[in-house]
Amino acid sequence: QVHLVESGGGLVQAGGSLRLSCAASGSIFSVVNMGWFRQAPGKQRELVAIATGGGSTNYADSVKGRFTISRDIAKNTVSLQMNSLKPDDTAVYYCNADIRERGSYGRLSLYNYWGQGTQVTVSS
């Protein structure tokens, strides 16, 4: 079993910055992809940024140039630096990861996990 724990959310004024962090722990063979999603009130959950196992990063168009995702593979952590925040960035931000671990009969399989979420509120 693997757990993802987020931290760093809070209240900030428009134009301000926040840094979110996520740590994976548990029976981890290896971490493949790690990233961030968000869900605003009354809206669907959407992809914010992903750091792939191949070393590339991908961002939603709405956050390009403002957000930066980074990961520490050795420590199984990922961070999201959010600058020039806008009220539309207000949402619960969720860490997500694709993780290889031993499943049934000891077979190595890929599993997807979600964190509990951390609230980011940007005031106007």
N, C-alpha and C. Protein backbone atom coordinates (compact mmCIF):
# COMPACT_ATOMS: atom_id res chain seq x y z
N GLN A 1 0.83 -1.19 0.00
CA GLN A 1 0.00 0.00 0.00
C GLN A 1 0.88 1.25 0.00
N VAL A 2 0.47 2.22 -0.82
CA VAL A 2 1.20 3.47 -0.95
C VAL A 2 0.29 4.63 -0.58
N HIS A 3 0.85 5.63 0.08
CA HIS A 3 0.10 6.81 0.47
C HIS A 3 0.78 8.06 -0.08
N LEU A 4 -0.03 9.01 -0.54
CA LEU A 4 0.45 10.29 -1.00
C LEU A 4 -0.06 11.37 -0.05
N VAL A 5 0.82 12.23 0.40
CA VAL A 5 0.45 13.29 1.33
C VAL A 5 0.89 14.63 0.77
N GLU A 6 -0.07 15.55 0.61
CA GLU A 6 0.22 16.88 0.10
C GLU A 6 0.36 17.89 1.24
N SER A 7 1.07 18.96 0.95
CA SER A 7 1.21 20.06 1.90
C SER A 7 1.49 21.34 1.13
N GLY A 8 1.30 22.47 1.78
CA GLY A 8 1.66 23.75 1.20
C GLY A 8 0.50 24.62 0.73
N GLY A 9 -0.72 24.11 0.81
CA GLY A 9 -1.86 24.92 0.41
C GLY A 9 -2.12 26.04 1.38
N GLY A 10 -2.98 26.97 0.97
CA GLY A 10 -3.31 28.08 1.83
C GLY A 10 -4.04 29.18 1.10
N LEU A 11 -4.12 30.32 1.74
CA LEU A 11 -4.79 31.50 1.20
C LEU A 11 -3.75 32.52 0.76
N VAL A 12 -3.91 33.03 -0.45
CA VAL A 12 -2.97 34.00 -0.99
C VAL A 12 -3.73 34.99 -1.86
N GLN A 13 -3.22 36.21 -1.93
CA GLN A 13 -3.82 37.22 -2.78
C GLN A 13 -3.41 37.02 -4.24
N ALA A 14 -4.24 37.51 -5.15
CA ALA A 14 -3.91 37.43 -6.56
C ALA A 14 -2.53 38.03 -6.82
N GLY A 15 -1.75 37.32 -7.64
CA GLY A 15 -0.40 37.74 -7.92
C GLY A 15 0.64 37.12 -7.01
N GLY A 16 0.19 36.47 -5.97
CA GLY A 16 1.09 35.85 -5.01
C GLY A 16 1.55 34.48 -5.45
N SER A 17 2.28 33.81 -4.55
CA SER A 17 2.87 32.51 -4.86
C SER A 17 2.64 31.52 -3.74
N LEU A 18 2.59 30.25 -4.11
CA LEU A 18 2.53 29.14 -3.17
C LEU A 18 3.34 27.99 -3.74
N ARG A 19 3.84 27.15 -2.85
CA ARG A 19 4.56 25.96 -3.27
C ARG A 19 3.92 24.75 -2.62
N LEU A 20 3.45 23.82 -3.44
CA LEU A 20 2.85 22.59 -2.97
C LEU A 20 3.87 21.46 -3.03
N SER A 21 3.79 20.56 -2.07
CA SER A 21 4.68 19.40 -2.05
C SER A 21 3.87 18.14 -1.83
N CYS A 22 4.37 17.04 -2.35
CA CYS A 22 3.72 15.75 -2.20
C CYS A 22 4.79 14.69 -1.98
N ALA A 23 4.56 13.85 -0.99
CA ALA A 23 5.49 12.77 -0.68
C ALA A 23 4.77 11.43 -0.76
N ALA A 24 5.38 10.49 -1.45
CA ALA A 24 4.86 9.14 -1.54
C ALA A 24 5.60 8.24 -0.57
N SER A 25 4.87 7.40 0.12
CA SER A 25 5.49 6.48 1.07
C SER A 25 4.75 5.15 1.05
N GLY A 26 5.43 4.11 1.48
CA GLY A 26 4.84 2.79 1.52
C GLY A 26 5.68 1.77 0.77
N SER A 27 5.02 0.73 0.30
CA SER A 27 5.70 -0.37 -0.38
C SER A 27 5.91 -0.01 -1.85
N ILE A 28 6.91 0.80 -2.10
CA ILE A 28 7.19 1.33 -3.44
C ILE A 28 8.36 0.60 -4.07
N PHE A 29 8.11 0.04 -5.24
CA PHE A 29 9.21 -0.51 -6.03
C PHE A 29 9.86 0.61 -6.83
N SER A 30 9.04 1.39 -7.51
CA SER A 30 9.52 2.55 -8.22
C SER A 30 8.34 3.47 -8.53
N VAL A 31 8.63 4.77 -8.63
CA VAL A 31 7.63 5.75 -9.00
C VAL A 31 7.83 6.13 -10.47
N VAL A 32 6.77 6.03 -11.25
CA VAL A 32 6.86 6.34 -12.66
C VAL A 32 6.48 7.81 -12.87
N ASN A 33 5.20 8.09 -13.06
CA ASN A 33 4.73 9.46 -13.24
C ASN A 33 4.24 10.05 -11.92
N MET A 34 4.50 11.33 -11.72
CA MET A 34 3.94 12.07 -10.60
C MET A 34 3.43 13.40 -11.11
N GLY A 35 2.30 13.85 -10.58
CA GLY A 35 1.76 15.10 -11.05
C GLY A 35 0.69 15.67 -10.14
N TRP A 36 0.06 16.72 -10.64
CA TRP A 36 -0.94 17.46 -9.89
C TRP A 36 -2.20 17.66 -10.70
N PHE A 37 -3.33 17.46 -10.06
CA PHE A 37 -4.64 17.78 -10.59
C PHE A 37 -5.29 18.79 -9.65
N ARG A 38 -6.36 19.42 -10.12
CA ARG A 38 -7.10 20.32 -9.26
C ARG A 38 -8.58 20.26 -9.60
N GLN A 39 -9.39 20.60 -8.61
CA GLN A 39 -10.83 20.62 -8.79
C GLN A 39 -11.40 21.84 -8.09
N ALA A 40 -11.97 22.74 -8.88
CA ALA A 40 -12.59 23.94 -8.36
C ALA A 40 -14.06 23.66 -8.06
N PRO A 41 -14.68 24.45 -7.19
CA PRO A 41 -16.09 24.25 -6.87
C PRO A 41 -16.97 24.25 -8.11
N GLY A 42 -17.78 23.22 -8.26
CA GLY A 42 -18.70 23.13 -9.38
C GLY A 42 -18.05 22.76 -10.70
N LYS A 43 -16.78 22.41 -10.69
CA LYS A 43 -16.07 22.07 -11.92
C LYS A 43 -15.48 20.67 -11.84
N GLN A 44 -15.14 20.12 -12.99
CA GLN A 44 -14.53 18.81 -13.06
C GLN A 44 -13.05 18.89 -12.69
N ARG A 45 -12.53 17.77 -12.22
CA ARG A 45 -11.11 17.70 -11.91
C ARG A 45 -10.31 17.77 -13.21
N GLU A 46 -9.23 18.54 -13.19
CA GLU A 46 -8.43 18.74 -14.38
C GLU A 46 -6.95 18.57 -14.09
N LEU A 47 -6.23 18.18 -15.12
CA LEU A 47 -4.78 18.05 -15.01
C LEU A 47 -4.14 19.43 -14.94
N VAL A 48 -3.20 19.58 -14.02
CA VAL A 48 -2.44 20.82 -13.89
C VAL A 48 -1.05 20.65 -14.47
N ALA A 49 -0.32 19.66 -13.98
CA ALA A 49 1.04 19.42 -14.44
C ALA A 49 1.44 17.99 -14.13
N ILE A 50 2.28 17.42 -14.99
CA ILE A 50 2.77 16.06 -14.83
C ILE A 50 4.27 16.01 -15.09
N ALA A 51 4.97 15.28 -14.25
CA ALA A 51 6.37 14.95 -14.48
C ALA A 51 6.42 13.47 -14.81
N THR A 52 6.80 13.13 -16.04
CA THR A 52 6.73 11.75 -16.49
C THR A 52 7.97 10.97 -16.09
N GLY A 53 7.85 9.65 -16.19
CA GLY A 53 8.99 8.80 -15.92
C GLY A 53 10.12 8.98 -16.90
N GLY A 54 9.81 9.49 -18.08
CA GLY A 54 10.83 9.76 -19.08
C GLY A 54 11.56 11.06 -18.88
N GLY A 55 11.19 11.82 -17.84
CA GLY A 55 11.90 13.05 -17.53
C GLY A 55 11.30 14.31 -18.12
N SER A 56 10.18 14.20 -18.81
CA SER A 56 9.54 15.37 -19.39
C SER A 56 8.49 15.94 -18.45
N THR A 57 8.11 17.17 -18.69
CA THR A 57 7.06 17.83 -17.93
C THR A 57 6.00 18.36 -18.87
N ASN A 58 4.75 18.31 -18.41
CA ASN A 58 3.63 18.78 -19.20
C ASN A 58 2.72 19.62 -18.33
N TYR A 59 2.19 20.70 -18.91
CA TYR A 59 1.36 21.63 -18.17
C TYR A 59 0.07 21.92 -18.90
N ALA A 60 -0.97 22.19 -18.12
CA ALA A 60 -2.19 22.72 -18.71
C ALA A 60 -1.91 24.10 -19.28
N ASP A 61 -2.57 24.44 -20.38
CA ASP A 61 -2.34 25.73 -21.01
C ASP A 61 -2.60 26.89 -20.05
N SER A 62 -3.54 26.71 -19.16
CA SER A 62 -3.93 27.78 -18.26
C SER A 62 -2.86 28.13 -17.22
N VAL A 63 -1.87 27.24 -17.02
CA VAL A 63 -0.85 27.48 -16.00
C VAL A 63 0.55 27.60 -16.58
N LYS A 64 0.70 27.39 -17.87
CA LYS A 64 2.03 27.49 -18.49
C LYS A 64 2.63 28.87 -18.26
N GLY A 65 3.90 28.88 -17.90
CA GLY A 65 4.59 30.12 -17.63
C GLY A 65 4.43 30.62 -16.22
N ARG A 66 3.50 30.05 -15.47
CA ARG A 66 3.27 30.47 -14.09
C ARG A 66 3.60 29.39 -13.08
N PHE A 67 3.33 28.13 -13.44
CA PHE A 67 3.56 27.00 -12.54
C PHE A 67 4.77 26.20 -13.02
N THR A 68 5.49 25.62 -12.07
CA THR A 68 6.62 24.78 -12.38
C THR A 68 6.56 23.51 -11.53
N ILE A 69 6.61 22.36 -12.19
CA ILE A 69 6.61 21.09 -11.47
C ILE A 69 8.03 20.55 -11.42
N SER A 70 8.39 19.96 -10.31
CA SER A 70 9.70 19.35 -10.15
C SER A 70 9.57 18.13 -9.25
N ARG A 71 10.47 17.18 -9.42
CA ARG A 71 10.42 15.98 -8.61
C ARG A 71 11.80 15.54 -8.19
N ASP A 72 11.84 14.86 -7.07
CA ASP A 72 13.05 14.23 -6.57
C ASP A 72 12.79 12.73 -6.62
N ILE A 73 13.35 12.08 -7.62
CA ILE A 73 13.08 10.66 -7.82
C ILE A 73 13.55 9.82 -6.64
N ALA A 74 14.71 10.14 -6.12
CA ALA A 74 15.28 9.37 -5.02
C ALA A 74 14.42 9.46 -3.76
N LYS A 75 13.77 10.60 -3.54
CA LYS A 75 12.97 10.81 -2.34
C LYS A 75 11.48 10.58 -2.56
N ASN A 76 11.09 10.23 -3.79
CA ASN A 76 9.67 9.98 -4.12
C ASN A 76 8.79 11.18 -3.79
N THR A 77 9.25 12.36 -4.15
CA THR A 77 8.49 13.57 -3.90
C THR A 77 8.32 14.38 -5.18
N VAL A 78 7.31 15.22 -5.18
CA VAL A 78 7.06 16.13 -6.29
C VAL A 78 6.55 17.44 -5.71
N SER A 79 6.92 18.55 -6.35
CA SER A 79 6.51 19.86 -5.90
C SER A 79 5.91 20.64 -7.05
N LEU A 80 5.08 21.61 -6.71
CA LEU A 80 4.48 22.49 -7.69
C LEU A 80 4.65 23.92 -7.21
N GLN A 81 5.52 24.66 -7.88
CA GLN A 81 5.71 26.07 -7.58
C GLN A 81 4.69 26.87 -8.38
N MET A 82 3.85 27.62 -7.70
CA MET A 82 2.78 28.37 -8.33
C MET A 82 3.02 29.86 -8.14
N ASN A 83 3.26 30.56 -9.23
CA ASN A 83 3.50 31.99 -9.20
C ASN A 83 2.39 32.72 -9.96
N SER A 84 2.30 34.02 -9.72
CA SER A 84 1.30 34.86 -10.39
C SER A 84 -0.09 34.24 -10.30
N LEU A 85 -0.45 33.85 -9.11
CA LEU A 85 -1.72 33.16 -8.91
C LEU A 85 -2.91 34.06 -9.22
N LYS A 86 -3.95 33.44 -9.76
CA LYS A 86 -5.18 34.11 -10.12
C LYS A 86 -6.34 33.53 -9.33
N PRO A 87 -7.42 34.28 -9.18
CA PRO A 87 -8.60 33.72 -8.50
C PRO A 87 -9.09 32.42 -9.14
N ASP A 88 -8.93 32.29 -10.46
CA ASP A 88 -9.36 31.07 -11.14
C ASP A 88 -8.52 29.86 -10.77
N ASP A 89 -7.39 30.07 -10.11
CA ASP A 89 -6.57 28.96 -9.63
C ASP A 89 -7.11 28.35 -8.35
N THR A 90 -8.10 28.99 -7.75
CA THR A 90 -8.69 28.49 -6.51
C THR A 90 -9.28 27.10 -6.74
N ALA A 91 -8.83 26.14 -5.96
CA ALA A 91 -9.26 24.76 -6.11
C ALA A 91 -8.62 23.91 -5.03
N VAL A 92 -9.10 22.68 -4.94
CA VAL A 92 -8.39 21.67 -4.17
C VAL A 92 -7.39 21.00 -5.10
N TYR A 93 -6.14 20.98 -4.71
CA TYR A 93 -5.09 20.41 -5.53
C TYR A 93 -4.74 19.02 -5.02
N TYR A 94 -4.71 18.07 -5.95
CA TYR A 94 -4.47 16.67 -5.62
C TYR A 94 -3.18 16.16 -6.25
N CYS A 95 -2.39 15.52 -5.46
CA CYS A 95 -1.21 14.82 -5.97
C CYS A 95 -1.64 13.48 -6.55
N ASN A 96 -1.00 13.08 -7.63
CA ASN A 96 -1.31 11.82 -8.28
C ASN A 96 -0.01 11.15 -8.73
N ALA A 97 0.03 9.83 -8.62
CA ALA A 97 1.25 9.12 -8.99
C ALA A 97 0.95 7.74 -9.54
N ASP A 98 1.73 7.33 -10.52
CA ASP A 98 1.75 5.96 -11.02
C ASP A 98 2.95 5.27 -10.41
N ILE A 99 2.68 4.19 -9.67
CA ILE A 99 3.71 3.55 -8.86
C ILE A 99 3.74 2.05 -9.12
N ARG A 100 4.94 1.52 -9.31
CA ARG A 100 5.12 0.09 -9.44
C ARG A 100 5.32 -0.53 -8.06
N GLU A 101 4.58 -1.60 -7.81
CA GLU A 101 4.71 -2.31 -6.56
C GLU A 101 4.32 -3.77 -6.75
N ARG A 102 4.62 -4.60 -5.77
CA ARG A 102 4.28 -6.01 -5.83
C ARG A 102 2.80 -6.21 -5.54
N GLY A 103 2.09 -6.83 -6.46
CA GLY A 103 0.69 -7.15 -6.30
C GLY A 103 0.46 -8.60 -5.92
N SER A 104 -0.64 -9.15 -6.40
CA SER A 104 -0.97 -10.54 -6.12
C SER A 104 0.12 -11.48 -6.60
N TYR A 105 0.43 -12.47 -5.80
CA TYR A 105 1.45 -13.48 -6.11
C TYR A 105 2.83 -12.86 -6.33
N GLY A 106 3.02 -11.67 -5.79
CA GLY A 106 4.30 -11.01 -5.91
C GLY A 106 4.57 -10.41 -7.27
N ARG A 107 3.56 -10.33 -8.12
CA ARG A 107 3.74 -9.79 -9.46
C ARG A 107 3.89 -8.28 -9.42
N LEU A 108 4.86 -7.79 -10.16
CA LEU A 108 5.11 -6.36 -10.21
C LEU A 108 4.09 -5.70 -11.13
N SER A 109 3.33 -4.74 -10.60
CA SER A 109 2.27 -4.09 -11.36
C SER A 109 2.30 -2.59 -11.15
N LEU A 110 1.61 -1.88 -12.04
CA LEU A 110 1.51 -0.43 -11.96
C LEU A 110 0.19 -0.03 -11.32
N TYR A 111 0.25 0.82 -10.32
CA TYR A 111 -0.93 1.29 -9.61
C TYR A 111 -0.97 2.81 -9.59
N ASN A 112 -2.19 3.34 -9.58
CA ASN A 112 -2.38 4.78 -9.53
C ASN A 112 -2.93 5.19 -8.17
N TYR A 113 -2.36 6.25 -7.60
CA TYR A 113 -2.75 6.73 -6.28
C TYR A 113 -3.06 8.22 -6.29
N TRP A 114 -3.96 8.60 -5.39
CA TRP A 114 -4.33 10.00 -5.18
C TRP A 114 -4.04 10.41 -3.75
N GLY A 115 -3.62 11.66 -3.58
CA GLY A 115 -3.53 12.23 -2.25
C GLY A 115 -4.89 12.71 -1.78
N GLN A 116 -4.95 13.18 -0.54
CA GLN A 116 -6.21 13.66 0.03
C GLN A 116 -6.60 15.04 -0.46
N GLY A 117 -5.66 15.79 -0.98
CA GLY A 117 -5.92 17.11 -1.50
C GLY A 117 -5.54 18.21 -0.52
N THR A 118 -5.16 19.35 -1.06
CA THR A 118 -4.85 20.52 -0.25
C THR A 118 -5.51 21.74 -0.89
N GLN A 119 -6.13 22.56 -0.06
CA GLN A 119 -6.90 23.70 -0.56
C GLN A 119 -6.00 24.87 -0.90
N VAL A 120 -6.20 25.42 -2.09
CA VAL A 120 -5.55 26.66 -2.50
C VAL A 120 -6.64 27.68 -2.80
N THR A 121 -6.59 28.80 -2.10
CA THR A 121 -7.57 29.86 -2.30
C THR A 121 -6.85 31.15 -2.67
N VAL A 122 -7.23 31.72 -3.80
CA VAL A 122 -6.63 32.96 -4.28
C VAL A 122 -7.70 34.04 -4.25
N SER A 123 -7.48 35.05 -3.45
CA SER A 123 -8.45 36.13 -3.31
C SER A 123 -8.19 37.21 -4.35
N SER A 124 -9.24 37.93 -4.71
CA SER A 124 -9.13 39.01 -5.68
C SER A 124 -8.79 40.33 -5.02
